[in-house]
């Protein structure tokens, strides 16, 4: 058991998206989890430092600090964090977020079934 298992809630997921309606939809899809929300990469980093979620759903295109840079910084802080990239338009950036440390990338609109399968597989 690592220190991460001790200090984190294994059902804690952070949703990072600048669109409040996307965050709301994901929160509803993940109703069985403890969902935190962040509206941009800067907000995500601040909340990550305090809350230490096990899983982060990271939009690629974000204001202030984009999802690629936020992913790199989170992985520097805690390499074991599972980051799943989410995108609607940035198909060309898929490899960049994967190289930054995301485990996989999902395309919006997200399927609840697919999202839950991926989360539960980790």
PDB file of N, CA and C in Angstrom:
ATOM      1  N   UNK A   1       0.850  -1.177   0.000  1.00  0.00           N
ATOM      2  CA  UNK A   1       0.000   0.000   0.000  1.00  0.00           C
ATOM      3  C   UNK A   1       0.898   1.243   0.000  1.00  0.00           C
ATOM      4  N   UNK A   2       0.662   2.130  -0.934  1.00  0.00           N
ATOM      5  CA  UNK A   2       1.453   3.352  -1.013  1.00  0.00           C
ATOM      6  C   UNK A   2       0.803   4.434  -0.152  1.00  0.00           C
ATOM      7  N   UNK A   3       1.556   5.523   0.070  1.00  0.00           N
ATOM      8  CA  UNK A   3       0.997   6.649   0.830  1.00  0.00           C
ATOM      9  C   UNK A   3      -0.238   7.200   0.143  1.00  0.00           C
ATOM     10  N   UNK A   4      -0.301   7.054  -1.206  1.00  0.00           N
ATOM     11  CA  UNK A   4      -1.445   7.574  -1.950  1.00  0.00           C
ATOM     12  C   UNK A   4      -2.727   6.848  -1.539  1.00  0.00           C
ATOM     13  N   UNK A   5      -2.620   5.549  -1.276  1.00  0.00           N
ATOM     14  CA  UNK A   5      -3.802   4.783  -0.858  1.00  0.00           C
ATOM     15  C   UNK A   5      -4.319   5.261   0.496  1.00  0.00           C
ATOM     16  N   UNK A   6      -3.413   5.718   1.326  1.00  0.00           N
ATOM     17  CA  UNK A   6      -3.786   6.151   2.664  1.00  0.00           C
ATOM     18  C   UNK A   6      -4.442   7.531   2.636  1.00  0.00           C
ATOM     19  N   UNK A   7      -3.889   8.454   1.837  1.00  0.00           N
ATOM     20  CA  UNK A   7      -4.363   9.839   1.886  1.00  0.00           C
ATOM     21  C   UNK A   7      -5.466  10.157   0.886  1.00  0.00           C
ATOM     22  N   UNK A   8      -5.767   9.244  -0.011  1.00  0.00           N
ATOM     23  CA  UNK A   8      -6.791   9.557  -0.993  1.00  0.00           C
ATOM     24  C   UNK A   8      -8.009   8.672  -0.835  1.00  0.00           C
ATOM     25  N   UNK A   9      -9.100   9.187  -1.311  1.00  0.00           N
ATOM     26  CA  UNK A   9     -10.353   8.460  -1.367  1.00  0.00           C
ATOM     27  C   UNK A   9     -10.388   7.807  -2.744  1.00  0.00           C
ATOM     28  N   UNK A  10     -10.429   6.480  -2.793  1.00  0.00           N
ATOM     29  CA  UNK A  10     -10.339   5.793  -4.079  1.00  0.00           C
ATOM     30  C   UNK A  10     -11.530   6.092  -4.989  1.00  0.00           C
ATOM     31  N   UNK A  11     -12.587   6.678  -4.436  1.00  0.00           N
ATOM     32  CA  UNK A  11     -13.748   7.023  -5.262  1.00  0.00           C
ATOM     33  C   UNK A  11     -13.780   8.517  -5.598  1.00  0.00           C
ATOM     34  N   UNK A  12     -12.671   9.203  -5.357  1.00  0.00           N
ATOM     35  CA  UNK A  12     -12.592  10.636  -5.610  1.00  0.00           C
ATOM     36  C   UNK A  12     -12.096  10.871  -7.042  1.00  0.00           C
ATOM     37  N   UNK A  13     -12.904  11.589  -7.820  1.00  0.00           N
ATOM     38  CA  UNK A  13     -12.582  11.891  -9.214  1.00  0.00           C
ATOM     39  C   UNK A  13     -12.703  13.395  -9.413  1.00  0.00           C
ATOM     40  N   UNK A  14     -11.714  13.974 -10.091  1.00  0.00           N
ATOM     41  CA  UNK A  14     -11.811  15.393 -10.423  1.00  0.00           C
ATOM     42  C   UNK A  14     -12.131  15.529 -11.900  1.00  0.00           C
ATOM     43  N   UNK A  15     -13.149  16.329 -12.193  1.00  0.00           N
ATOM     44  CA  UNK A  15     -13.562  16.635 -13.554  1.00  0.00           C
ATOM     45  C   UNK A  15     -13.078  18.047 -13.873  1.00  0.00           C
ATOM     46  N   UNK A  16     -12.240  18.170 -14.916  1.00  0.00           N
ATOM     47  CA  UNK A  16     -11.688  19.465 -15.297  1.00  0.00           C
ATOM     48  C   UNK A  16     -12.212  19.822 -16.682  1.00  0.00           C
ATOM     49  N   UNK A  17     -13.073  20.825 -16.743  1.00  0.00           N
ATOM     50  CA  UNK A  17     -13.633  21.283 -18.014  1.00  0.00           C
ATOM     51  C   UNK A  17     -14.107  22.721 -17.831  1.00  0.00           C
ATOM     52  N   UNK A  18     -13.880  23.555 -18.833  1.00  0.00           N
ATOM     53  CA  UNK A  18     -14.283  24.948 -18.718  1.00  0.00           C
ATOM     54  C   UNK A  18     -15.768  25.165 -18.980  1.00  0.00           C
ATOM     55  N   UNK A  19     -16.456  24.137 -19.444  1.00  0.00           N
ATOM     56  CA  UNK A  19     -17.889  24.227 -19.717  1.00  0.00           C
ATOM     57  C   UNK A  19     -18.669  23.674 -18.520  1.00  0.00           C
ATOM     58  N   UNK A  20     -19.410  24.527 -17.800  1.00  0.00           N
ATOM     59  CA  UNK A  20     -20.147  24.057 -16.632  1.00  0.00           C
ATOM     60  C   UNK A  20     -21.158  22.955 -16.954  1.00  0.00           C
ATOM     61  N   UNK A  21     -21.740  22.985 -18.140  1.00  0.00           N
ATOM     62  CA  UNK A  21     -22.721  21.947 -18.483  1.00  0.00           C
ATOM     63  C   UNK A  21     -22.042  20.588 -18.656  1.00  0.00           C
ATOM     64  N   UNK A  22     -20.821  20.563 -19.172  1.00  0.00           N
ATOM     65  CA  UNK A  22     -20.081  19.297 -19.293  1.00  0.00           C
ATOM     66  C   UNK A  22     -19.742  18.771 -17.899  1.00  0.00           C
ATOM     67  N   UNK A  23     -19.297  19.661 -17.019  1.00  0.00           N
ATOM     68  CA  UNK A  23     -19.000  19.235 -15.644  1.00  0.00           C
ATOM     69  C   UNK A  23     -20.250  18.668 -14.978  1.00  0.00           C
ATOM     70  N   UNK A  24     -21.387  19.311 -15.194  1.00  0.00           N
ATOM     71  CA  UNK A  24     -22.655  18.844 -14.609  1.00  0.00           C
ATOM     72  C   UNK A  24     -23.018  17.455 -15.141  1.00  0.00           C
ATOM     73  N   UNK A  25     -22.919  17.269 -16.439  1.00  0.00           N
ATOM     74  CA  UNK A  25     -23.239  15.968 -17.040  1.00  0.00           C
ATOM     75  C   UNK A  25     -22.320  14.886 -16.489  1.00  0.00           C
ATOM     76  N   UNK A  26     -21.025  15.172 -16.414  1.00  0.00           N
ATOM     77  CA  UNK A  26     -20.084  14.178 -15.889  1.00  0.00           C
ATOM     78  C   UNK A  26     -20.350  13.893 -14.419  1.00  0.00           C
ATOM     79  N   UNK A  27     -20.693  14.918 -13.641  1.00  0.00           N
ATOM     80  CA  UNK A  27     -21.019  14.701 -12.231  1.00  0.00           C
ATOM     81  C   UNK A  27     -22.224  13.772 -12.106  1.00  0.00           C
ATOM     82  N   UNK A  28     -23.221  13.964 -12.954  1.00  0.00           N
ATOM     83  CA  UNK A  28     -24.402  13.092 -12.923  1.00  0.00           C
ATOM     84  C   UNK A  28     -24.054  11.666 -13.356  1.00  0.00           C
ATOM     85  N   UNK A  29     -23.216  11.530 -14.375  1.00  0.00           N
ATOM     86  CA  UNK A  29     -22.784  10.198 -14.826  1.00  0.00           C
ATOM     87  C   UNK A  29     -22.010   9.464 -13.730  1.00  0.00           C
ATOM     88  N   UNK A  30     -21.280  10.225 -12.929  1.00  0.00           N
ATOM     89  CA  UNK A  30     -20.412   9.653 -11.897  1.00  0.00           C
ATOM     90  C   UNK A  30     -21.026   9.785 -10.514  1.00  0.00           C
ATOM     91  N   UNK A  31     -22.338   9.652 -10.426  1.00  0.00           N
ATOM     92  CA  UNK A  31     -23.054   9.904  -9.179  1.00  0.00           C
ATOM     93  C   UNK A  31     -22.623   8.995  -8.028  1.00  0.00           C
ATOM     94  N   UNK A  32     -22.024   7.852  -8.331  1.00  0.00           N
ATOM     95  CA  UNK A  32     -21.570   6.939  -7.277  1.00  0.00           C
ATOM     96  C   UNK A  32     -20.158   7.262  -6.780  1.00  0.00           C
ATOM     97  N   UNK A  33     -19.588   8.332  -7.292  1.00  0.00           N
ATOM     98  CA  UNK A  33     -18.237   8.740  -6.925  1.00  0.00           C
ATOM     99  C   UNK A  33     -18.265  10.096  -6.231  1.00  0.00           C
ATOM    100  N   UNK A  34     -17.191  10.408  -5.556  1.00  0.00           N
ATOM    101  CA  UNK A  34     -17.006  11.720  -4.939  1.00  0.00           C
ATOM    102  C   UNK A  34     -16.377  12.608  -6.008  1.00  0.00           C
ATOM    103  N   UNK A  35     -17.179  13.441  -6.672  1.00  0.00           N
ATOM    104  CA  UNK A  35     -16.724  14.231  -7.814  1.00  0.00           C
ATOM    105  C   UNK A  35     -16.365  15.648  -7.398  1.00  0.00           C
ATOM    106  N   UNK A  36     -15.149  16.029  -7.739  1.00  0.00           N
ATOM    107  CA  UNK A  36     -14.670  17.403  -7.568  1.00  0.00           C
ATOM    108  C   UNK A  36     -14.684  18.046  -8.938  1.00  0.00           C
ATOM    109  N   UNK A  37     -14.826  19.362  -8.990  1.00  0.00           N
ATOM    110  CA  UNK A  37     -14.837  20.055 -10.276  1.00  0.00           C
ATOM    111  C   UNK A  37     -13.789  21.151 -10.302  1.00  0.00           C
ATOM    112  N   UNK A  38     -13.203  21.337 -11.490  1.00  0.00           N
ATOM    113  CA  UNK A  38     -12.280  22.445 -11.723  1.00  0.00           C
ATOM    114  C   UNK A  38     -12.604  23.025 -13.093  1.00  0.00           C
ATOM    115  N   UNK A  39     -12.519  24.354 -13.205  1.00  0.00           N
ATOM    116  CA  UNK A  39     -12.950  25.022 -14.437  1.00  0.00           C
ATOM    117  C   UNK A  39     -11.812  25.324 -15.409  1.00  0.00           C
ATOM    118  N   UNK A  40     -10.578  25.155 -14.970  1.00  0.00           N
ATOM    119  CA  UNK A  40      -9.439  25.366 -15.864  1.00  0.00           C
ATOM    120  C   UNK A  40      -8.224  24.642 -15.274  1.00  0.00           C
ATOM    121  N   UNK A  41      -7.119  24.658 -16.004  1.00  0.00           N
ATOM    122  CA  UNK A  41      -5.932  23.939 -15.548  1.00  0.00           C
ATOM    123  C   UNK A  41      -5.354  24.492 -14.258  1.00  0.00           C
ATOM    124  N   UNK A  42      -5.400  25.796 -14.091  1.00  0.00           N
ATOM    125  CA  UNK A  42      -4.884  26.417 -12.874  1.00  0.00           C
ATOM    126  C   UNK A  42      -5.710  25.988 -11.657  1.00  0.00           C
ATOM    127  N   UNK A  43      -7.027  26.028 -11.793  1.00  0.00           N
ATOM    128  CA  UNK A  43      -7.938  25.590 -10.732  1.00  0.00           C
ATOM    129  C   UNK A  43      -7.718  24.109 -10.430  1.00  0.00           C
ATOM    130  N   UNK A  44      -7.502  23.312 -11.462  1.00  0.00           N
ATOM    131  CA  UNK A  44      -7.271  21.872 -11.290  1.00  0.00           C
ATOM    132  C   UNK A  44      -6.020  21.617 -10.450  1.00  0.00           C
ATOM    133  N   UNK A  45      -4.951  22.328 -10.741  1.00  0.00           N
ATOM    134  CA  UNK A  45      -3.707  22.133  -9.987  1.00  0.00           C
ATOM    135  C   UNK A  45      -3.870  22.517  -8.521  1.00  0.00           C
ATOM    136  N   UNK A  46      -4.549  23.618  -8.261  1.00  0.00           N
ATOM    137  CA  UNK A  46      -4.786  24.042  -6.879  1.00  0.00           C
ATOM    138  C   UNK A  46      -5.595  22.985  -6.122  1.00  0.00           C
ATOM    139  N   UNK A  47      -6.675  22.532  -6.740  1.00  0.00           N
ATOM    140  CA  UNK A  47      -7.533  21.547  -6.078  1.00  0.00           C
ATOM    141  C   UNK A  47      -6.847  20.195  -5.961  1.00  0.00           C
ATOM    142  N   UNK A  48      -6.035  19.841  -6.951  1.00  0.00           N
ATOM    143  CA  UNK A  48      -5.315  18.566  -6.885  1.00  0.00           C
ATOM    144  C   UNK A  48      -4.384  18.536  -5.671  1.00  0.00           C
ATOM    145  N   UNK A  49      -3.700  19.624  -5.415  1.00  0.00           N
ATOM    146  CA  UNK A  49      -2.757  19.694  -4.288  1.00  0.00           C
ATOM    147  C   UNK A  49      -3.455  19.465  -2.949  1.00  0.00           C
ATOM    148  N   UNK A  50      -4.694  19.882  -2.847  1.00  0.00           N
ATOM    149  CA  UNK A  50      -5.440  19.742  -1.593  1.00  0.00           C
ATOM    150  C   UNK A  50      -6.157  18.396  -1.522  1.00  0.00           C
ATOM    151  N   UNK A  51      -6.836  18.022  -2.580  1.00  0.00           N
ATOM    152  CA  UNK A  51      -7.751  16.886  -2.558  1.00  0.00           C
ATOM    153  C   UNK A  51      -7.123  15.541  -2.952  1.00  0.00           C
ATOM    154  N   UNK A  52      -6.098  15.565  -3.798  1.00  0.00           N
ATOM    155  CA  UNK A  52      -5.404  14.363  -4.279  1.00  0.00           C
ATOM    156  C   UNK A  52      -6.348  13.270  -4.807  1.00  0.00           C
ATOM    157  N   UNK A  53      -7.165  13.603  -5.816  1.00  0.00           N
ATOM    158  CA  UNK A  53      -8.039  12.574  -6.390  1.00  0.00           C
ATOM    159  C   UNK A  53      -7.219  11.488  -7.076  1.00  0.00           C
ATOM    160  N   UNK A  54      -7.753  10.282  -7.101  1.00  0.00           N
ATOM    161  CA  UNK A  54      -7.088   9.157  -7.767  1.00  0.00           C
ATOM    162  C   UNK A  54      -7.206   9.249  -9.278  1.00  0.00           C
ATOM    163  N   UNK A  55      -8.333   9.809  -9.751  1.00  0.00           N
ATOM    164  CA  UNK A  55      -8.615   9.888 -11.182  1.00  0.00           C
ATOM    165  C   UNK A  55      -8.946  11.331 -11.541  1.00  0.00           C
ATOM    166  N   UNK A  56      -8.415  11.772 -12.677  1.00  0.00           N
ATOM    167  CA  UNK A  56      -8.716  13.109 -13.185  1.00  0.00           C
ATOM    168  C   UNK A  56      -9.196  12.977 -14.620  1.00  0.00           C
ATOM    169  N   UNK A  57     -10.380  13.525 -14.904  1.00  0.00           N
ATOM    170  CA  UNK A  57     -10.884  13.629 -16.272  1.00  0.00           C
ATOM    171  C   UNK A  57     -10.513  15.027 -16.743  1.00  0.00           C
ATOM    172  N   UNK A  58      -9.583  15.104 -17.691  1.00  0.00           N
ATOM    173  CA  UNK A  58      -8.949  16.364 -18.061  1.00  0.00           C
ATOM    174  C   UNK A  58      -9.296  16.762 -19.488  1.00  0.00           C
ATOM    175  N   UNK A  59     -10.035  17.863 -19.624  1.00  0.00           N
ATOM    176  CA  UNK A  59     -10.271  18.421 -20.953  1.00  0.00           C
ATOM    177  C   UNK A  59      -8.932  18.910 -21.496  1.00  0.00           C
ATOM    178  N   UNK A  60      -8.703  18.747 -22.777  1.00  0.00           N
ATOM    179  CA  UNK A  60      -7.433  19.171 -23.370  1.00  0.00           C
ATOM    180  C   UNK A  60      -7.388  20.680 -23.545  1.00  0.00           C
ATOM    181  N   UNK A  61      -8.469  21.250 -24.046  1.00  0.00           N
ATOM    182  CA  UNK A  61      -8.507  22.682 -24.347  1.00  0.00           C
ATOM    183  C   UNK A  61      -9.113  23.439 -23.171  1.00  0.00           C
ATOM    184  N   UNK A  62      -8.241  24.103 -22.395  1.00  0.00           N
ATOM    185  CA  UNK A  62      -8.665  24.831 -21.202  1.00  0.00           C
ATOM    186  C   UNK A  62      -8.035  26.217 -21.175  1.00  0.00           C
ATOM    187  N   UNK A  63      -8.708  27.178 -20.533  1.00  0.00           N
ATOM    188  CA  UNK A  63      -8.086  28.492 -20.348  1.00  0.00           C
ATOM    189  C   UNK A  63      -7.000  28.434 -19.268  1.00  0.00           C
ATOM    190  N   UNK A  64      -6.205  29.474 -19.221  1.00  0.00           N
ATOM    191  CA  UNK A  64      -5.111  29.665 -18.249  1.00  0.00           C
ATOM    192  C   UNK A  64      -4.009  28.631 -18.457  1.00  0.00           C
ATOM    193  N   UNK A  65      -4.180  27.423 -17.968  1.00  0.00           N
ATOM    194  CA  UNK A  65      -3.223  26.335 -18.189  1.00  0.00           C
ATOM    195  C   UNK A  65      -3.991  25.246 -18.918  1.00  0.00           C
ATOM    196  N   UNK A  66      -3.506  24.851 -20.113  1.00  0.00           N
ATOM    197  CA  UNK A  66      -4.255  23.846 -20.878  1.00  0.00           C
ATOM    198  C   UNK A  66      -4.124  22.458 -20.237  1.00  0.00           C
ATOM    199  N   UNK A  67      -4.946  21.533 -20.717  1.00  0.00           N
ATOM    200  CA  UNK A  67      -4.985  20.190 -20.150  1.00  0.00           C
ATOM    201  C   UNK A  67      -3.684  19.425 -20.291  1.00  0.00           C
ATOM    202  N   UNK A  68      -2.925  19.707 -21.330  1.00  0.00           N
ATOM    203  CA  UNK A  68      -1.645  19.011 -21.534  1.00  0.00           C
ATOM    204  C   UNK A  68      -0.649  19.436 -20.451  1.00  0.00           C
ATOM    205  N   UNK A  69      -0.532  20.726 -20.238  1.00  0.00           N
ATOM    206  CA  UNK A  69       0.401  21.234 -19.222  1.00  0.00           C
ATOM    207  C   UNK A  69      -0.057  20.831 -17.818  1.00  0.00           C
ATOM    208  N   UNK A  70      -1.362  20.905 -17.553  1.00  0.00           N
ATOM    209  CA  UNK A  70      -1.888  20.503 -16.241  1.00  0.00           C
ATOM    210  C   UNK A  70      -1.623  19.017 -15.993  1.00  0.00           C
ATOM    211  N   UNK A  71      -1.757  18.196 -17.026  1.00  0.00           N
ATOM    212  CA  UNK A  71      -1.478  16.761 -16.896  1.00  0.00           C
ATOM    213  C   UNK A  71      -0.015  16.540 -16.526  1.00  0.00           C
ATOM    214  N   UNK A  72       0.888  17.214 -17.223  1.00  0.00           N
ATOM    215  CA  UNK A  72       2.325  17.083 -16.909  1.00  0.00           C
ATOM    216  C   UNK A  72       2.601  17.437 -15.451  1.00  0.00           C
ATOM    217  N   UNK A  73       2.022  18.533 -14.986  1.00  0.00           N
ATOM    218  CA  UNK A  73       2.286  18.991 -13.621  1.00  0.00           C
ATOM    219  C   UNK A  73       1.704  18.032 -12.585  1.00  0.00           C
ATOM    220  N   UNK A  74       0.505  17.526 -12.837  1.00  0.00           N
ATOM    221  CA  UNK A  74      -0.095  16.561 -11.902  1.00  0.00           C
ATOM    222  C   UNK A  74       0.751  15.296 -11.843  1.00  0.00           C
ATOM    223  N   UNK A  75       1.221  14.823 -12.986  1.00  0.00           N
ATOM    224  CA  UNK A  75       2.043  13.609 -13.016  1.00  0.00           C
ATOM    225  C   UNK A  75       3.391  13.828 -12.320  1.00  0.00           C
ATOM    226  N   UNK A  76       3.909  15.054 -12.339  1.00  0.00           N
ATOM    227  CA  UNK A  76       5.134  15.363 -11.592  1.00  0.00           C
ATOM    228  C   UNK A  76       4.871  15.293 -10.091  1.00  0.00           C
ATOM    229  N   UNK A  77       3.706  15.782  -9.682  1.00  0.00           N
ATOM    230  CA  UNK A  77       3.342  15.796  -8.268  1.00  0.00           C
ATOM    231  C   UNK A  77       3.055  14.380  -7.784  1.00  0.00           C
ATOM    232  N   UNK A  78       2.246  13.649  -8.542  1.00  0.00           N
ATOM    233  CA  UNK A  78       1.867  12.283  -8.154  1.00  0.00           C
ATOM    234  C   UNK A  78       1.754  11.408  -9.395  1.00  0.00           C
ATOM    235  N   UNK A  79       2.838  10.702  -9.731  1.00  0.00           N
ATOM    236  CA  UNK A  79       2.855   9.884 -10.952  1.00  0.00           C
ATOM    237  C   UNK A  79       1.792   8.790 -11.027  1.00  0.00           C
ATOM    238  N   UNK A  80       1.275   8.354  -9.874  1.00  0.00           N
ATOM    239  CA  UNK A  80       0.286   7.269  -9.875  1.00  0.00           C
ATOM    240  C   UNK A  80      -1.125   7.733 -10.229  1.00  0.00           C
ATOM    241  N   UNK A  81      -1.355   9.022 -10.301  1.00  0.00           N
ATOM    242  CA  UNK A  81      -2.689   9.529 -10.619  1.00  0.00           C
ATOM    243  C   UNK A  81      -3.088   9.100 -12.031  1.00  0.00           C
ATOM    244  N   UNK A  82      -4.290   8.594 -12.159  1.00  0.00           N
ATOM    245  CA  UNK A  82      -4.826   8.201 -13.462  1.00  0.00           C
ATOM    246  C   UNK A  82      -5.480   9.421 -14.095  1.00  0.00           C
ATOM    247  N   UNK A  83      -4.981   9.807 -15.261  1.00  0.00           N
ATOM    248  CA  UNK A  83      -5.556  10.941 -15.975  1.00  0.00           C
ATOM    249  C   UNK A  83      -6.135  10.434 -17.287  1.00  0.00           C
ATOM    250  N   UNK A  84      -7.394  10.781 -17.511  1.00  0.00           N
ATOM    251  CA  UNK A  84      -8.081  10.441 -18.755  1.00  0.00           C
ATOM    252  C   UNK A  84      -8.377  11.752 -19.466  1.00  0.00           C
ATOM    253  N   UNK A  85      -7.811  11.924 -20.639  1.00  0.00           N
ATOM    254  CA  UNK A  85      -8.060  13.122 -21.418  1.00  0.00           C
ATOM    255  C   UNK A  85      -9.444  13.080 -22.028  1.00  0.00           C
ATOM    256  N   UNK A  86     -10.086  14.235 -22.118  1.00  0.00           N
ATOM    257  CA  UNK A  86     -11.372  14.331 -22.801  1.00  0.00           C
ATOM    258  C   UNK A  86     -11.306  15.507 -23.773  1.00  0.00           C
ATOM    259  N   UNK A  87     -11.901  15.326 -24.938  1.00  0.00           N
ATOM    260  CA  UNK A  87     -11.827  16.369 -25.948  1.00  0.00           C
ATOM    261  C   UNK A  87     -13.020  16.318 -26.889  1.00  0.00           C
ATOM    262  N   UNK A  88     -13.321  17.460 -27.446  1.00  0.00           N
ATOM    263  CA  UNK A  88     -14.353  17.539 -28.480  1.00  0.00           C
ATOM    264  C   UNK A  88     -13.732  17.897 -29.818  1.00  0.00           C
ATOM    265  N   UNK A  89     -12.683  18.716 -29.790  1.00  0.00           N
ATOM    266  CA  UNK A  89     -12.150  19.270 -31.031  1.00  0.00           C
ATOM    267  C   UNK A  89     -10.670  19.034 -31.248  1.00  0.00           C
ATOM    268  N   UNK A  90      -9.946  18.740 -30.226  1.00  0.00           N
ATOM    269  CA  UNK A  90      -8.487  18.715 -30.291  1.00  0.00           C
ATOM    270  C   UNK A  90      -7.921  17.351 -30.679  1.00  0.00           C
ATOM    271  N   UNK A  91      -8.445  16.727 -31.713  1.00  0.00           N
ATOM    272  CA  UNK A  91      -7.973  15.400 -32.095  1.00  0.00           C
ATOM    273  C   UNK A  91      -6.465  15.377 -32.353  1.00  0.00           C
ATOM    274  N   UNK A  92      -5.931  16.468 -32.887  1.00  0.00           N
ATOM    275  CA  UNK A  92      -4.503  16.549 -33.136  1.00  0.00           C
ATOM    276  C   UNK A  92      -3.674  16.575 -31.864  1.00  0.00           C
ATOM    277  N   UNK A  93      -4.312  16.880 -30.740  1.00  0.00           N
ATOM    278  CA  UNK A  93      -3.602  16.976 -29.458  1.00  0.00           C
ATOM    279  C   UNK A  93      -3.663  15.674 -28.655  1.00  0.00           C
ATOM    280  N   UNK A  94      -4.327  14.663 -29.190  1.00  0.00           N
ATOM    281  CA  UNK A  94      -4.464  13.400 -28.469  1.00  0.00           C
ATOM    282  C   UNK A  94      -3.108  12.833 -28.084  1.00  0.00           C
ATOM    283  N   UNK A  95      -2.180  12.775 -29.020  1.00  0.00           N
ATOM    284  CA  UNK A  95      -0.852  12.235 -28.706  1.00  0.00           C
ATOM    285  C   UNK A  95      -0.120  13.085 -27.682  1.00  0.00           C
ATOM    286  N   UNK A  96      -0.338  14.404 -27.728  1.00  0.00           N
ATOM    287  CA  UNK A  96       0.335  15.281 -26.772  1.00  0.00           C
ATOM    288  C   UNK A  96      -0.097  14.996 -25.336  1.00  0.00           C
ATOM    289  N   UNK A  97      -1.396  14.817 -25.115  1.00  0.00           N
ATOM    290  CA  UNK A  97      -1.842  14.554 -23.741  1.00  0.00           C
ATOM    291  C   UNK A  97      -1.444  13.140 -23.307  1.00  0.00           C
ATOM    292  N   UNK A  98      -1.430  12.204 -24.237  1.00  0.00           N
ATOM    293  CA  UNK A  98      -0.954  10.863 -23.897  1.00  0.00           C
ATOM    294  C   UNK A  98       0.536  10.914 -23.528  1.00  0.00           C
ATOM    295  N   UNK A  99       1.321  11.657 -24.278  1.00  0.00           N
ATOM    296  CA  UNK A  99       2.742  11.808 -23.964  1.00  0.00           C
ATOM    297  C   UNK A  99       2.967  12.551 -22.655  1.00  0.00           C
ATOM    298  N   UNK A 100       2.020  13.402 -22.281  1.00  0.00           N
ATOM    299  CA  UNK A 100       2.117  14.143 -21.021  1.00  0.00           C
ATOM    300  C   UNK A 100       1.808  13.261 -19.816  1.00  0.00           C
ATOM    301  N   UNK A 101       1.164  12.113 -20.065  1.00  0.00           N
ATOM    302  CA  UNK A 101       0.892  11.191 -18.967  1.00  0.00           C
ATOM    303  C   UNK A 101      -0.526  10.683 -18.857  1.00  0.00           C
ATOM    304  N   UNK A 102      -1.422  11.126 -19.736  1.00  0.00           N
ATOM    305  CA  UNK A 102      -2.790  10.593 -19.700  1.00  0.00           C
ATOM    306  C   UNK A 102      -2.772   9.125 -20.121  1.00  0.00           C
ATOM    307  N   UNK A 103      -3.632   8.339 -19.531  1.00  0.00           N
ATOM    308  CA  UNK A 103      -3.688   6.911 -19.838  1.00  0.00           C
ATOM    309  C   UNK A 103      -4.426   6.664 -21.147  1.00  0.00           C
ATOM    310  N   UNK A 104      -5.478   7.450 -21.372  1.00  0.00           N
ATOM    311  CA  UNK A 104      -6.231   7.366 -22.619  1.00  0.00           C
ATOM    312  C   UNK A 104      -7.012   8.643 -22.833  1.00  0.00           C
ATOM    313  N   UNK A 105      -7.641   8.746 -24.011  1.00  0.00           N
ATOM    314  CA  UNK A 105      -8.389   9.952 -24.359  1.00  0.00           C
ATOM    315  C   UNK A 105      -9.773   9.543 -24.844  1.00  0.00           C
ATOM    316  N   UNK A 106     -10.790  10.209 -24.302  1.00  0.00           N
ATOM    317  CA  UNK A 106     -12.169   9.980 -24.717  1.00  0.00           C
ATOM    318  C   UNK A 106     -12.661  11.203 -25.481  1.00  0.00           C
ATOM    319  N   UNK A 107     -13.539  10.972 -26.443  1.00  0.00           N
ATOM    320  CA  UNK A 107     -14.080  12.055 -27.257  1.00  0.00           C
ATOM    321  C   UNK A 107     -15.487  12.397 -26.789  1.00  0.00           C
ATOM    322  N   UNK A 108     -15.747  13.699 -26.648  1.00  0.00           N
ATOM    323  CA  UNK A 108     -17.094  14.176 -26.313  1.00  0.00           C
ATOM    324  C   UNK A 108     -17.966  14.071 -27.553  1.00  0.00           C
ATOM    325  N   UNK A 109     -19.237  13.824 -27.410  1.00  0.00           N
ATOM    326  CA  UNK A 109     -19.936  13.549 -26.153  1.00  0.00           C
ATOM    327  C   UNK A 109     -19.554  12.169 -25.620  1.00  0.00           C
ATOM    328  N   UNK A 110     -19.439  12.090 -24.308  1.00  0.00           N
ATOM    329  CA  UNK A 110     -19.013  10.853 -23.668  1.00  0.00           C
ATOM    330  C   UNK A 110     -20.197   9.930 -23.432  1.00  0.00           C
ATOM    331  N   UNK A 111     -19.953   8.665 -23.622  1.00  0.00           N
ATOM    332  CA  UNK A 111     -20.941   7.641 -23.303  1.00  0.00           C
ATOM    333  C   UNK A 111     -20.778   7.272 -21.832  1.00  0.00           C
ATOM    334  N   UNK A 112     -21.862   7.289 -21.079  1.00  0.00           N
ATOM    335  CA  UNK A 112     -21.806   6.927 -19.666  1.00  0.00           C
ATOM    336  C   UNK A 112     -21.268   5.517 -19.497  1.00  0.00           C
ATOM    337  N   UNK A 113     -21.736   4.603 -20.321  1.00  0.00           N
ATOM    338  CA  UNK A 113     -21.302   3.211 -20.229  1.00  0.00           C
ATOM    339  C   UNK A 113     -19.798   3.095 -20.445  1.00  0.00           C
ATOM    340  N   UNK A 114     -19.285   3.727 -21.481  1.00  0.00           N
ATOM    341  CA  UNK A 114     -17.854   3.672 -21.794  1.00  0.00           C
ATOM    342  C   UNK A 114     -17.037   4.321 -20.681  1.00  0.00           C
ATOM    343  N   UNK A 115     -17.491   5.492 -20.215  1.00  0.00           N
ATOM    344  CA  UNK A 115     -16.790   6.196 -19.144  1.00  0.00           C
ATOM    345  C   UNK A 115     -16.689   5.331 -17.890  1.00  0.00           C
ATOM    346  N   UNK A 116     -17.793   4.751 -17.460  1.00  0.00           N
ATOM    347  CA  UNK A 116     -17.792   3.930 -16.260  1.00  0.00           C
ATOM    348  C   UNK A 116     -16.956   2.666 -16.448  1.00  0.00           C
ATOM    349  N   UNK A 117     -16.991   2.065 -17.630  1.00  0.00           N
ATOM    350  CA  UNK A 117     -16.151   0.891 -17.899  1.00  0.00           C
ATOM    351  C   UNK A 117     -14.674   1.223 -17.733  1.00  0.00           C
ATOM    352  N   UNK A 118     -14.270   2.353 -18.277  1.00  0.00           N
ATOM    353  CA  UNK A 118     -12.862   2.753 -18.189  1.00  0.00           C
ATOM    354  C   UNK A 118     -12.476   3.038 -16.750  1.00  0.00           C
ATOM    355  N   UNK A 119     -13.284   3.799 -16.038  1.00  0.00           N
ATOM    356  CA  UNK A 119     -12.968   4.133 -14.649  1.00  0.00           C
ATOM    357  C   UNK A 119     -12.905   2.871 -13.807  1.00  0.00           C
ATOM    358  N   UNK A 120     -13.859   1.996 -13.960  1.00  0.00           N
ATOM    359  CA  UNK A 120     -13.898   0.783 -13.160  1.00  0.00           C
ATOM    360  C   UNK A 120     -12.778  -0.185 -13.526  1.00  0.00           C
ATOM    361  N   UNK A 121     -12.256  -0.096 -14.751  1.00  0.00           N
ATOM    362  CA  UNK A 121     -11.150  -0.976 -15.147  1.00  0.00           C
ATOM    363  C   UNK A 121      -9.852  -0.604 -14.438  1.00  0.00           C
ATOM    364  N   UNK A 122      -9.760   0.615 -13.943  1.00  0.00           N
ATOM    365  CA  UNK A 122      -8.564   1.053 -13.219  1.00  0.00           C
ATOM    366  C   UNK A 122      -8.775   0.994 -11.731  1.00  0.00           C
TER     367      UNK A 122
END
